[in-house]
Amino acid sequence: MDTLPCKGCRGLCCGPVPITGKELTRIKRKVKNMPKKLRSNLENQTRLLGTCIFYDLDNDKCGIHDVRPEICRMFGYYEQLACFRKPELATKPLPAIIEDPVGILSVDFTWDYF
């Protein structure tokens, strides 16, 4: 992620985020083990409609970075997932879908779910 200019984007590229069942399980575990103060801070931030509920606006970074969904890991480096600030990095072809998504963060899965 060091090659992408994410600082200052304020999570505008982060959403909507489709997630698989395996990703949902990892995210649930991460949120369950989050310190209450951190979770509360993250949960109570006001975001634009459709942006990921886990984007930490206060710190301008992903609040679940180590368990972020595969689509987030691919963003900026794969065709059709280009960063508008550095589109030249998006050179890899999208892989075949291995697992269908079970829903979308911020739409199907909100803080009430976690």
PDB file of N, CA and C in Angstrom:
ATOM      1  N   MET A   1       0.809  -1.199   0.000  1.00  0.00           N
ATOM      2  CA  MET A   1       0.000   0.000   0.000  1.00  0.00           C
ATOM      3  C   MET A   1       0.851   1.261   0.000  1.00  0.00           C
ATOM      4  N   ASP A   2       2.132   1.133   0.231  1.00  0.00           N
ATOM      5  CA  ASP A   2       2.997   2.305   0.282  1.00  0.00           C
ATOM      6  C   ASP A   2       3.081   3.042  -1.054  1.00  0.00           C
ATOM      7  N   THR A   3       2.796   2.358  -2.149  1.00  0.00           N
ATOM      8  CA  THR A   3       2.899   3.007  -3.454  1.00  0.00           C
ATOM      9  C   THR A   3       1.651   3.816  -3.812  1.00  0.00           C
ATOM     10  N   LEU A   4       0.545   3.583  -3.089  1.00  0.00           N
ATOM     11  CA  LEU A   4      -0.678   4.343  -3.348  1.00  0.00           C
ATOM     12  C   LEU A   4      -0.720   5.596  -2.473  1.00  0.00           C
ATOM     13  N   PRO A   5      -1.262   6.683  -3.003  1.00  0.00           N
ATOM     14  CA  PRO A   5      -1.350   7.933  -2.245  1.00  0.00           C
ATOM     15  C   PRO A   5      -2.632   8.006  -1.400  1.00  0.00           C
ATOM     16  N   CYS A   6      -2.786   7.054  -0.491  1.00  0.00           N
ATOM     17  CA  CYS A   6      -4.034   6.964   0.278  1.00  0.00           C
ATOM     18  C   CYS A   6      -4.218   8.078   1.297  1.00  0.00           C
ATOM     19  N   LYS A   7      -3.141   8.593   1.844  1.00  0.00           N
ATOM     20  CA  LYS A   7      -3.268   9.656   2.837  1.00  0.00           C
ATOM     21  C   LYS A   7      -3.984  10.848   2.217  1.00  0.00           C
ATOM     22  N   GLY A   8      -5.001  11.320   2.919  1.00  0.00           N
ATOM     23  CA  GLY A   8      -5.753  12.471   2.443  1.00  0.00           C
ATOM     24  C   GLY A   8      -6.991  12.123   1.638  1.00  0.00           C
ATOM     25  N   CYS A   9      -7.171  10.860   1.306  1.00  0.00           N
ATOM     26  CA  CYS A   9      -8.351  10.468   0.532  1.00  0.00           C
ATOM     27  C   CYS A   9      -9.593  10.354   1.415  1.00  0.00           C
ATOM     28  N   ARG A  10      -9.385  10.193   2.712  1.00  0.00           N
ATOM     29  CA  ARG A  10     -10.481  10.155   3.687  1.00  0.00           C
ATOM     30  C   ARG A  10     -11.472   9.026   3.422  1.00  0.00           C
ATOM     31  N   GLY A  11     -11.001   7.931   2.840  1.00  0.00           N
ATOM     32  CA  GLY A  11     -11.834   6.756   2.646  1.00  0.00           C
ATOM     33  C   GLY A  11     -12.827   6.833   1.511  1.00  0.00           C
ATOM     34  N   LEU A  12     -12.706   7.815   0.640  1.00  0.00           N
ATOM     35  CA  LEU A  12     -13.670   7.952  -0.443  1.00  0.00           C
ATOM     36  C   LEU A  12     -13.621   6.787  -1.428  1.00  0.00           C
ATOM     37  N   CYS A  13     -12.486   6.126  -1.525  1.00  0.00           N
ATOM     38  CA  CYS A  13     -12.365   4.969  -2.425  1.00  0.00           C
ATOM     39  C   CYS A  13     -12.807   3.683  -1.739  1.00  0.00           C
ATOM     40  N   CYS A  14     -13.068   3.762  -0.451  1.00  0.00           N
ATOM     41  CA  CYS A  14     -13.353   2.575   0.357  1.00  0.00           C
ATOM     42  C   CYS A  14     -14.845   2.301   0.461  1.00  0.00           C
ATOM     43  N   GLY A  15     -15.424   1.881  -0.621  1.00  0.00           N
ATOM     44  CA  GLY A  15     -16.811   1.491  -0.556  1.00  0.00           C
ATOM     45  C   GLY A  15     -17.482   1.621  -1.904  1.00  0.00           C
ATOM     46  N   PRO A  16     -18.535   0.883  -2.104  1.00  0.00           N
ATOM     47  CA  PRO A  16     -19.016  -0.205  -1.264  1.00  0.00           C
ATOM     48  C   PRO A  16     -18.046  -1.387  -1.294  1.00  0.00           C
ATOM     49  N   VAL A  17     -18.023  -2.149  -0.205  1.00  0.00           N
ATOM     50  CA  VAL A  17     -17.042  -3.230  -0.050  1.00  0.00           C
ATOM     51  C   VAL A  17     -17.756  -4.578   0.050  1.00  0.00           C
ATOM     52  N   PRO A  18     -17.747  -5.383  -1.031  1.00  0.00           N
ATOM     53  CA  PRO A  18     -18.316  -6.727  -0.942  1.00  0.00           C
ATOM     54  C   PRO A  18     -17.373  -7.635  -0.154  1.00  0.00           C
ATOM     55  N   ILE A  19     -17.946  -8.484   0.697  1.00  0.00           N
ATOM     56  CA  ILE A  19     -17.115  -9.394   1.493  1.00  0.00           C
ATOM     57  C   ILE A  19     -17.634 -10.821   1.390  1.00  0.00           C
ATOM     58  N   THR A  20     -16.711 -11.756   1.553  1.00  0.00           N
ATOM     59  CA  THR A  20     -17.053 -13.183   1.529  1.00  0.00           C
ATOM     60  C   THR A  20     -17.348 -13.655   2.952  1.00  0.00           C
ATOM     61  N   GLY A  21     -17.840 -14.856   3.060  1.00  0.00           N
ATOM     62  CA  GLY A  21     -18.127 -15.437   4.375  1.00  0.00           C
ATOM     63  C   GLY A  21     -16.874 -15.555   5.228  1.00  0.00           C
ATOM     64  N   LYS A  22     -15.766 -15.972   4.633  1.00  0.00           N
ATOM     65  CA  LYS A  22     -14.502 -16.100   5.375  1.00  0.00           C
ATOM     66  C   LYS A  22     -14.026 -14.743   5.863  1.00  0.00           C
ATOM     67  N   GLU A  23     -14.157 -13.724   5.022  1.00  0.00           N
ATOM     68  CA  GLU A  23     -13.745 -12.376   5.415  1.00  0.00           C
ATOM     69  C   GLU A  23     -14.625 -11.857   6.543  1.00  0.00           C
ATOM     70  N   LEU A  24     -15.916 -12.123   6.457  1.00  0.00           N
ATOM     71  CA  LEU A  24     -16.840 -11.700   7.497  1.00  0.00           C
ATOM     72  C   LEU A  24     -16.466 -12.322   8.848  1.00  0.00           C
ATOM     73  N   THR A  25     -16.109 -13.581   8.842  1.00  0.00           N
ATOM     74  CA  THR A  25     -15.702 -14.260  10.078  1.00  0.00           C
ATOM     75  C   THR A  25     -14.465 -13.606  10.673  1.00  0.00           C
ATOM     76  N   ARG A  26     -13.465 -13.312   9.828  1.00  0.00           N
ATOM     77  CA  ARG A  26     -12.236 -12.665  10.327  1.00  0.00           C
ATOM     78  C   ARG A  26     -12.527 -11.267  10.873  1.00  0.00           C
ATOM     79  N   ILE A  27     -13.377 -10.526  10.166  1.00  0.00           N
ATOM     80  CA  ILE A  27     -13.713  -9.172  10.598  1.00  0.00           C
ATOM     81  C   ILE A  27     -14.470  -9.211  11.927  1.00  0.00           C
ATOM     82  N   LYS A  28     -15.421 -10.138  12.061  1.00  0.00           N
ATOM     83  CA  LYS A  28     -16.168 -10.259  13.314  1.00  0.00           C
ATOM     84  C   LYS A  28     -15.228 -10.542  14.488  1.00  0.00           C
ATOM     85  N   ARG A  29     -14.268 -11.414  14.275  1.00  0.00           N
ATOM     86  CA  ARG A  29     -13.299 -11.742  15.320  1.00  0.00           C
ATOM     87  C   ARG A  29     -12.463 -10.518  15.690  1.00  0.00           C
ATOM     88  N   LYS A  30     -12.037  -9.779  14.675  1.00  0.00           N
ATOM     89  CA  LYS A  30     -11.241  -8.570  14.898  1.00  0.00           C
ATOM     90  C   LYS A  30     -12.039  -7.540  15.706  1.00  0.00           C
ATOM     91  N   VAL A  31     -13.284  -7.305  15.315  1.00  0.00           N
ATOM     92  CA  VAL A  31     -14.114  -6.313  15.993  1.00  0.00           C
ATOM     93  C   VAL A  31     -14.408  -6.748  17.427  1.00  0.00           C
ATOM     94  N   LYS A  32     -14.667  -8.033  17.625  1.00  0.00           N
ATOM     95  CA  LYS A  32     -14.940  -8.558  18.968  1.00  0.00           C
ATOM     96  C   LYS A  32     -13.756  -8.333  19.905  1.00  0.00           C
ATOM     97  N   ASN A  33     -12.544  -8.433  19.378  1.00  0.00           N
ATOM     98  CA  ASN A  33     -11.340  -8.286  20.192  1.00  0.00           C
ATOM     99  C   ASN A  33     -10.797  -6.861  20.245  1.00  0.00           C
ATOM    100  N   MET A  34     -11.480  -5.940  19.591  1.00  0.00           N
ATOM    101  CA  MET A  34     -11.061  -4.541  19.589  1.00  0.00           C
ATOM    102  C   MET A  34     -11.268  -3.927  20.975  1.00  0.00           C
ATOM    103  N   PRO A  35     -10.338  -3.109  21.436  1.00  0.00           N
ATOM    104  CA  PRO A  35     -10.580  -2.387  22.691  1.00  0.00           C
ATOM    105  C   PRO A  35     -11.857  -1.541  22.551  1.00  0.00           C
ATOM    106  N   LYS A  36     -12.650  -1.489  23.625  1.00  0.00           N
ATOM    107  CA  LYS A  36     -13.949  -0.804  23.574  1.00  0.00           C
ATOM    108  C   LYS A  36     -13.820   0.650  23.137  1.00  0.00           C
ATOM    109  N   LYS A  37     -12.805   1.335  23.612  1.00  0.00           N
ATOM    110  CA  LYS A  37     -12.630   2.741  23.259  1.00  0.00           C
ATOM    111  C   LYS A  37     -12.368   2.900  21.758  1.00  0.00           C
ATOM    112  N   LEU A  38     -11.521   2.038  21.205  1.00  0.00           N
ATOM    113  CA  LEU A  38     -11.219   2.086  19.777  1.00  0.00           C
ATOM    114  C   LEU A  38     -12.467   1.785  18.950  1.00  0.00           C
ATOM    115  N   ARG A  39     -13.187   0.739  19.354  1.00  0.00           N
ATOM    116  CA  ARG A  39     -14.411   0.374  18.633  1.00  0.00           C
ATOM    117  C   ARG A  39     -15.414   1.521  18.681  1.00  0.00           C
ATOM    118  N   SER A  40     -15.622   2.080  19.852  1.00  0.00           N
ATOM    119  CA  SER A  40     -16.583   3.169  20.009  1.00  0.00           C
ATOM    120  C   SER A  40     -16.198   4.373  19.145  1.00  0.00           C
ATOM    121  N   ASN A  41     -14.920   4.703  19.146  1.00  0.00           N
ATOM    122  CA  ASN A  41     -14.449   5.816  18.328  1.00  0.00           C
ATOM    123  C   ASN A  41     -14.702   5.554  16.845  1.00  0.00           C
ATOM    124  N   LEU A  42     -14.375   4.361  16.402  1.00  0.00           N
ATOM    125  CA  LEU A  42     -14.555   3.988  14.999  1.00  0.00           C
ATOM    126  C   LEU A  42     -16.044   3.956  14.635  1.00  0.00           C
ATOM    127  N   GLU A  43     -16.837   3.385  15.501  1.00  0.00           N
ATOM    128  CA  GLU A  43     -18.272   3.229  15.256  1.00  0.00           C
ATOM    129  C   GLU A  43     -19.004   4.567  15.194  1.00  0.00           C
ATOM    130  N   ASN A  44     -18.569   5.529  15.941  1.00  0.00           N
ATOM    131  CA  ASN A  44     -19.292   6.799  16.048  1.00  0.00           C
ATOM    132  C   ASN A  44     -18.810   7.884  15.094  1.00  0.00           C
ATOM    133  N   GLN A  45     -17.931   7.549  14.189  1.00  0.00           N
ATOM    134  CA  GLN A  45     -17.488   8.529  13.199  1.00  0.00           C
ATOM    135  C   GLN A  45     -18.562   8.693  12.122  1.00  0.00           C
ATOM    136  N   THR A  46     -18.754   9.913  11.658  1.00  0.00           N
ATOM    137  CA  THR A  46     -19.726  10.194  10.604  1.00  0.00           C
ATOM    138  C   THR A  46     -19.053  10.015   9.246  1.00  0.00           C
ATOM    139  N   ARG A  47     -19.600   9.112   8.451  1.00  0.00           N
ATOM    140  CA  ARG A  47     -19.028   8.820   7.134  1.00  0.00           C
ATOM    141  C   ARG A  47     -20.020   9.162   6.036  1.00  0.00           C
ATOM    142  N   LEU A  48     -19.502   9.300   4.836  1.00  0.00           N
ATOM    143  CA  LEU A  48     -20.373   9.490   3.682  1.00  0.00           C
ATOM    144  C   LEU A  48     -21.090   8.177   3.382  1.00  0.00           C
ATOM    145  N   LEU A  49     -22.305   8.261   2.916  1.00  0.00           N
ATOM    146  CA  LEU A  49     -23.106   7.085   2.592  1.00  0.00           C
ATOM    147  C   LEU A  49     -22.352   6.169   1.629  1.00  0.00           C
ATOM    148  N   GLY A  50     -22.277   4.898   1.956  1.00  0.00           N
ATOM    149  CA  GLY A  50     -21.642   3.910   1.085  1.00  0.00           C
ATOM    150  C   GLY A  50     -20.177   3.665   1.363  1.00  0.00           C
ATOM    151  N   THR A  51     -19.523   4.552   2.141  1.00  0.00           N
ATOM    152  CA  THR A  51     -18.122   4.299   2.455  1.00  0.00           C
ATOM    153  C   THR A  51     -18.041   3.254   3.566  1.00  0.00           C
ATOM    154  N   CYS A  52     -16.953   2.574   3.624  1.00  0.00           N
ATOM    155  CA  CYS A  52     -16.777   1.467   4.550  1.00  0.00           C
ATOM    156  C   CYS A  52     -16.893   1.921   6.008  1.00  0.00           C
ATOM    157  N   ILE A  53     -17.635   1.154   6.793  1.00  0.00           N
ATOM    158  CA  ILE A  53     -17.834   1.481   8.203  1.00  0.00           C
ATOM    159  C   ILE A  53     -16.560   1.338   9.017  1.00  0.00           C
ATOM    160  N   PHE A  54     -15.557   0.698   8.462  1.00  0.00           N
ATOM    161  CA  PHE A  54     -14.314   0.487   9.202  1.00  0.00           C
ATOM    162  C   PHE A  54     -13.213   1.479   8.828  1.00  0.00           C
ATOM    163  N   TYR A  55     -13.511   2.410   7.937  1.00  0.00           N
ATOM    164  CA  TYR A  55     -12.504   3.406   7.611  1.00  0.00           C
ATOM    165  C   TYR A  55     -12.429   4.414   8.754  1.00  0.00           C
ATOM    166  N   ASP A  56     -11.250   4.566   9.315  1.00  0.00           N
ATOM    167  CA  ASP A  56     -11.021   5.454  10.449  1.00  0.00           C
ATOM    168  C   ASP A  56     -10.715   6.860   9.942  1.00  0.00           C
ATOM    169  N   LEU A  57     -11.737   7.704   9.918  1.00  0.00           N
ATOM    170  CA  LEU A  57     -11.579   9.067   9.419  1.00  0.00           C
ATOM    171  C   LEU A  57     -10.645   9.896  10.292  1.00  0.00           C
ATOM    172  N   ASP A  58     -10.679   9.661  11.597  1.00  0.00           N
ATOM    173  CA  ASP A  58      -9.833  10.431  12.508  1.00  0.00           C
ATOM    174  C   ASP A  58      -8.348  10.223  12.226  1.00  0.00           C
ATOM    175  N   ASN A  59      -7.991   8.999  11.850  1.00  0.00           N
ATOM    176  CA  ASN A  59      -6.587   8.669  11.595  1.00  0.00           C
ATOM    177  C   ASN A  59      -6.280   8.467  10.116  1.00  0.00           C
ATOM    178  N   ASP A  60      -7.295   8.638   9.252  1.00  0.00           N
ATOM    179  CA  ASP A  60      -7.138   8.526   7.805  1.00  0.00           C
ATOM    180  C   ASP A  60      -6.495   7.202   7.398  1.00  0.00           C
ATOM    181  N   LYS A  61      -7.095   6.102   7.900  1.00  0.00           N
ATOM    182  CA  LYS A  61      -6.583   4.766   7.563  1.00  0.00           C
ATOM    183  C   LYS A  61      -7.655   3.716   7.830  1.00  0.00           C
ATOM    184  N   CYS A  62      -7.419   2.529   7.346  1.00  0.00           N
ATOM    185  CA  CYS A  62      -8.338   1.416   7.566  1.00  0.00           C
ATOM    186  C   CYS A  62      -8.269   0.981   9.031  1.00  0.00           C
ATOM    187  N   GLY A  63      -9.430   0.862   9.657  1.00  0.00           N
ATOM    188  CA  GLY A  63      -9.493   0.453  11.054  1.00  0.00           C
ATOM    189  C   GLY A  63      -9.350  -1.039  11.265  1.00  0.00           C
ATOM    190  N   ILE A  64      -9.407  -1.821  10.181  1.00  0.00           N
ATOM    191  CA  ILE A  64      -9.246  -3.279  10.275  1.00  0.00           C
ATOM    192  C   ILE A  64      -8.201  -3.755   9.261  1.00  0.00           C
ATOM    193  N   HIS A  65      -7.183  -2.961   9.043  1.00  0.00           N
ATOM    194  CA  HIS A  65      -6.221  -3.185   7.964  1.00  0.00           C
ATOM    195  C   HIS A  65      -5.696  -4.614   7.881  1.00  0.00           C
ATOM    196  N   ASP A  66      -5.361  -5.223   8.996  1.00  0.00           N
ATOM    197  CA  ASP A  66      -4.774  -6.571   8.945  1.00  0.00           C
ATOM    198  C   ASP A  66      -5.774  -7.652   8.552  1.00  0.00           C
ATOM    199  N   VAL A  67      -7.082  -7.378   8.600  1.00  0.00           N
ATOM    200  CA  VAL A  67      -8.088  -8.350   8.162  1.00  0.00           C
ATOM    201  C   VAL A  67      -8.974  -7.772   7.052  1.00  0.00           C
ATOM    202  N   ARG A  68      -8.501  -6.730   6.389  1.00  0.00           N
ATOM    203  CA  ARG A  68      -9.315  -6.098   5.341  1.00  0.00           C
ATOM    204  C   ARG A  68      -9.638  -7.105   4.236  1.00  0.00           C
ATOM    205  N   PRO A  69     -10.789  -6.934   3.591  1.00  0.00           N
ATOM    206  CA  PRO A  69     -11.204  -7.853   2.532  1.00  0.00           C
ATOM    207  C   PRO A  69     -10.241  -7.859   1.342  1.00  0.00           C
ATOM    208  N   GLU A  70     -10.291  -8.931   0.598  1.00  0.00           N
ATOM    209  CA  GLU A  70      -9.413  -9.101  -0.567  1.00  0.00           C
ATOM    210  C   GLU A  70      -9.586  -7.972  -1.576  1.00  0.00           C
ATOM    211  N   ILE A  71     -10.810  -7.512  -1.771  1.00  0.00           N
ATOM    212  CA  ILE A  71     -11.052  -6.433  -2.729  1.00  0.00           C
ATOM    213  C   ILE A  71     -10.268  -5.186  -2.330  1.00  0.00           C
ATOM    214  N   CYS A  72     -10.131  -4.953  -1.046  1.00  0.00           N
ATOM    215  CA  CYS A  72      -9.366  -3.805  -0.551  1.00  0.00           C
ATOM    216  C   CYS A  72      -7.870  -4.008  -0.792  1.00  0.00           C
ATOM    217  N   ARG A  73      -7.417  -5.240  -0.654  1.00  0.00           N
ATOM    218  CA  ARG A  73      -5.999  -5.559  -0.902  1.00  0.00           C
ATOM    219  C   ARG A  73      -5.656  -5.388  -2.384  1.00  0.00           C
ATOM    220  N   MET A  74      -6.633  -5.627  -3.241  1.00  0.00           N
ATOM    221  CA  MET A  74      -6.418  -5.554  -4.683  1.00  0.00           C
ATOM    222  C   MET A  74      -6.521  -4.127  -5.225  1.00  0.00           C
ATOM    223  N   PHE A  75      -7.225  -3.278  -4.488  1.00  0.00           N
ATOM    224  CA  PHE A  75      -7.493  -1.932  -4.984  1.00  0.00           C
ATOM    225  C   PHE A  75      -6.206  -1.184  -5.311  1.00  0.00           C
ATOM    226  N   GLY A  76      -6.213  -0.578  -6.487  1.00  0.00           N
ATOM    227  CA  GLY A  76      -5.079   0.225  -6.929  1.00  0.00           C
ATOM    228  C   GLY A  76      -4.082  -0.519  -7.783  1.00  0.00           C
ATOM    229  N   TYR A  77      -4.120  -1.849  -7.736  1.00  0.00           N
ATOM    230  CA  TYR A  77      -3.123  -2.650  -8.451  1.00  0.00           C
ATOM    231  C   TYR A  77      -3.730  -3.528  -9.549  1.00  0.00           C
ATOM    232  N   TYR A  78      -5.047  -3.617  -9.580  1.00  0.00           N
ATOM    233  CA  TYR A  78      -5.719  -4.462 -10.560  1.00  0.00           C
ATOM    234  C   TYR A  78      -6.596  -3.615 -11.486  1.00  0.00           C
ATOM    235  N   GLU A  79      -6.671  -4.072 -12.750  1.00  0.00           N
ATOM    236  CA  GLU A  79      -7.516  -3.399 -13.722  1.00  0.00           C
ATOM    237  C   GLU A  79      -8.936  -3.307 -13.159  1.00  0.00           C
ATOM    238  N   GLN A  80      -9.614  -2.263 -13.428  1.00  0.00           N
ATOM    239  CA  GLN A  80     -10.974  -1.986 -12.974  1.00  0.00           C
ATOM    240  C   GLN A  80     -11.045  -1.631 -11.484  1.00  0.00           C
ATOM    241  N   LEU A  81      -9.904  -1.606 -10.801  1.00  0.00           N
ATOM    242  CA  LEU A  81      -9.843  -1.191  -9.400  1.00  0.00           C
ATOM    243  C   LEU A  81      -8.766  -0.124  -9.243  1.00  0.00           C
ATOM    244  N   ALA A  82      -8.694   0.771 -10.207  1.00  0.00           N
ATOM    245  CA  ALA A  82      -7.624   1.773 -10.246  1.00  0.00           C
ATOM    246  C   ALA A  82      -7.856   2.908  -9.255  1.00  0.00           C
ATOM    247  N   CYS A  83      -6.752   3.375  -8.687  1.00  0.00           N
ATOM    248  CA  CYS A  83      -6.761   4.569  -7.850  1.00  0.00           C
ATOM    249  C   CYS A  83      -6.771   5.768  -8.791  1.00  0.00           C
ATOM    250  N   PHE A  84      -7.652   6.721  -8.555  1.00  0.00           N
ATOM    251  CA  PHE A  84      -7.742   7.852  -9.470  1.00  0.00           C
ATOM    252  C   PHE A  84      -6.495   8.734  -9.415  1.00  0.00           C
ATOM    253  N   ARG A  85      -5.729   8.652  -8.344  1.00  0.00           N
ATOM    254  CA  ARG A  85      -4.511   9.451  -8.247  1.00  0.00           C
ATOM    255  C   ARG A  85      -3.308   8.781  -8.905  1.00  0.00           C
ATOM    256  N   LYS A  86      -3.335   7.448  -8.979  1.00  0.00           N
ATOM    257  CA  LYS A  86      -2.223   6.708  -9.602  1.00  0.00           C
ATOM    258  C   LYS A  86      -2.775   5.560 -10.443  1.00  0.00           C
ATOM    259  N   PRO A  87      -3.526   5.847 -11.485  1.00  0.00           N
ATOM    260  CA  PRO A  87      -4.132   4.779 -12.282  1.00  0.00           C
ATOM    261  C   PRO A  87      -3.110   3.901 -12.992  1.00  0.00           C
ATOM    262  N   GLU A  88      -1.907   4.417 -13.183  1.00  0.00           N
ATOM    263  CA  GLU A  88      -0.878   3.636 -13.881  1.00  0.00           C
ATOM    264  C   GLU A  88      -0.445   2.387 -13.109  1.00  0.00           C
ATOM    265  N   LEU A  89      -0.739   2.306 -11.824  1.00  0.00           N
ATOM    266  CA  LEU A  89      -0.374   1.126 -11.029  1.00  0.00           C
ATOM    267  C   LEU A  89      -1.322  -0.054 -11.261  1.00  0.00           C
ATOM    268  N   ALA A  90      -2.502   0.197 -11.778  1.00  0.00           N
ATOM    269  CA  ALA A  90      -3.516  -0.846 -11.962  1.00  0.00           C
ATOM    270  C   ALA A  90      -3.262  -1.623 -13.245  1.00  0.00           C
ATOM    271  N   THR A  91      -2.320  -2.545 -13.180  1.00  0.00           N
ATOM    272  CA  THR A  91      -1.907  -3.276 -14.371  1.00  0.00           C
ATOM    273  C   THR A  91      -2.261  -4.758 -14.351  1.00  0.00           C
ATOM    274  N   LYS A  92      -2.581  -5.306 -13.197  1.00  0.00           N
ATOM    275  CA  LYS A  92      -2.859  -6.745 -13.105  1.00  0.00           C
ATOM    276  C   LYS A  92      -4.289  -7.040 -13.541  1.00  0.00           C
ATOM    277  N   PRO A  93      -4.478  -8.135 -14.274  1.00  0.00           N
ATOM    278  CA  PRO A  93      -5.852  -8.516 -14.634  1.00  0.00           C
ATOM    279  C   PRO A  93      -6.583  -9.058 -13.408  1.00  0.00           C
ATOM    280  N   LEU A  94      -7.880  -8.797 -13.328  1.00  0.00           N
ATOM    281  CA  LEU A  94      -8.663  -9.305 -12.196  1.00  0.00           C
ATOM    282  C   LEU A  94      -8.687 -10.820 -12.220  1.00  0.00           C
ATOM    283  N   PRO A  95      -8.473 -11.467 -11.079  1.00  0.00           N
ATOM    284  CA  PRO A  95      -8.549 -12.930 -11.033  1.00  0.00           C
ATOM    285  C   PRO A  95     -10.001 -13.399 -11.063  1.00  0.00           C
ATOM    286  N   ALA A  96     -10.177 -14.669 -11.336  1.00  0.00           N
ATOM    287  CA  ALA A  96     -11.520 -15.245 -11.306  1.00  0.00           C
ATOM    288  C   ALA A  96     -12.028 -15.210  -9.861  1.00  0.00           C
ATOM    289  N   ILE A  97     -13.317 -15.032  -9.709  1.00  0.00           N
ATOM    290  CA  ILE A  97     -13.908 -15.010  -8.372  1.00  0.00           C
ATOM    291  C   ILE A  97     -13.829 -16.406  -7.771  1.00  0.00           C
ATOM    292  N   ILE A  98     -13.257 -16.491  -6.594  1.00  0.00           N
ATOM    293  CA  ILE A  98     -13.107 -17.775  -5.918  1.00  0.00           C
ATOM    294  C   ILE A  98     -14.315 -18.054  -5.024  1.00  0.00           C
ATOM    295  N   GLU A  99     -14.793 -17.032  -4.341  1.00  0.00           N
ATOM    296  CA  GLU A  99     -15.930 -17.175  -3.435  1.00  0.00           C
ATOM    297  C   GLU A  99     -16.876 -15.997  -3.636  1.00  0.00           C
ATOM    298  N   ASP A 100     -18.150 -16.277  -3.757  1.00  0.00           N
ATOM    299  CA  ASP A 100     -19.132 -15.209  -3.931  1.00  0.00           C
ATOM    300  C   ASP A 100     -19.282 -14.405  -2.644  1.00  0.00           C
ATOM    301  N   PRO A 101     -19.528 -13.108  -2.785  1.00  0.00           N
ATOM    302  CA  PRO A 101     -19.741 -12.288  -1.592  1.00  0.00           C
ATOM    303  C   PRO A 101     -21.042 -12.664  -0.883  1.00  0.00           C
ATOM    304  N   VAL A 102     -21.050 -12.476   0.446  1.00  0.00           N
ATOM    305  CA  VAL A 102     -22.254 -12.720   1.240  1.00  0.00           C
ATOM    306  C   VAL A 102     -22.982 -11.416   1.543  1.00  0.00           C
ATOM    307  N   GLY A 103     -22.348 -10.298   1.214  1.00  0.00           N
ATOM    308  CA  GLY A 103     -22.967  -9.006   1.451  1.00  0.00           C
ATOM    309  C   GLY A 103     -21.970  -7.883   1.288  1.00  0.00           C
ATOM    310  N   ILE A 104     -22.427  -6.684   1.620  1.00  0.00           N
ATOM    311  CA  ILE A 104     -21.615  -5.481   1.448  1.00  0.00           C
ATOM    312  C   ILE A 104     -21.507  -4.747   2.777  1.00  0.00           C
ATOM    313  N   LEU A 105     -20.267  -4.416   3.148  1.00  0.00           N
ATOM    314  CA  LEU A 105     -20.061  -3.623   4.352  1.00  0.00           C
ATOM    315  C   LEU A 105     -20.739  -2.275   4.170  1.00  0.00           C
ATOM    316  N   SER A 106     -21.380  -1.795   5.194  1.00  0.00           N
ATOM    317  CA  SER A 106     -22.101  -0.516   5.238  1.00  0.00           C
ATOM    318  C   SER A 106     -23.520  -0.630   4.703  1.00  0.00           C
ATOM    319  N   VAL A 107     -23.829  -1.701   3.985  1.00  0.00           N
ATOM    320  CA  VAL A 107     -25.182  -1.889   3.461  1.00  0.00           C
ATOM    321  C   VAL A 107     -25.819  -3.096   4.156  1.00  0.00           C
ATOM    322  N   ASP A 108     -25.257  -4.277   3.911  1.00  0.00           N
ATOM    323  CA  ASP A 108     -25.762  -5.503   4.520  1.00  0.00           C
ATOM    324  C   ASP A 108     -25.217  -5.710   5.930  1.00  0.00           C
ATOM    325  N   PHE A 109     -24.006  -5.248   6.147  1.00  0.00           N
ATOM    326  CA  PHE A 109     -23.354  -5.410   7.452  1.00  0.00           C
ATOM    327  C   PHE A 109     -22.980  -4.040   7.991  1.00  0.00           C
ATOM    328  N   THR A 110     -23.719  -3.585   8.985  1.00  0.00           N
ATOM    329  CA  THR A 110     -23.449  -2.290   9.620  1.00  0.00           C
ATOM    330  C   THR A 110     -22.942  -2.563  11.030  1.00  0.00           C
ATOM    331  N   TRP A 111     -22.680  -1.495  11.782  1.00  0.00           N
ATOM    332  CA  TRP A 111     -22.187  -1.661  13.153  1.00  0.00           C
ATOM    333  C   TRP A 111     -23.162  -2.445  14.013  1.00  0.00           C
ATOM    334  N   ASP A 112     -24.439  -2.368  13.726  1.00  0.00           N
ATOM    335  CA  ASP A 112     -25.431  -3.134  14.497  1.00  0.00           C
ATOM    336  C   ASP A 112     -25.182  -4.634  14.380  1.00  0.00           C
ATOM    337  N   TYR A 113     -24.650  -5.070  13.251  1.00  0.00           N
ATOM    338  CA  TYR A 113     -24.360  -6.493  13.043  1.00  0.00           C
ATOM    339  C   TYR A 113     -23.185  -6.947  13.904  1.00  0.00           C
ATOM    340  N   PHE A 114     -22.209  -6.086  14.065  1.00  0.00           N
ATOM    341  CA  PHE A 114     -20.998  -6.440  14.794  1.00  0.00           C
ATOM    342  C   PHE A 114     -21.129  -6.176  16.276  1.00  0.00           C
TER     343      PHE A 114
END
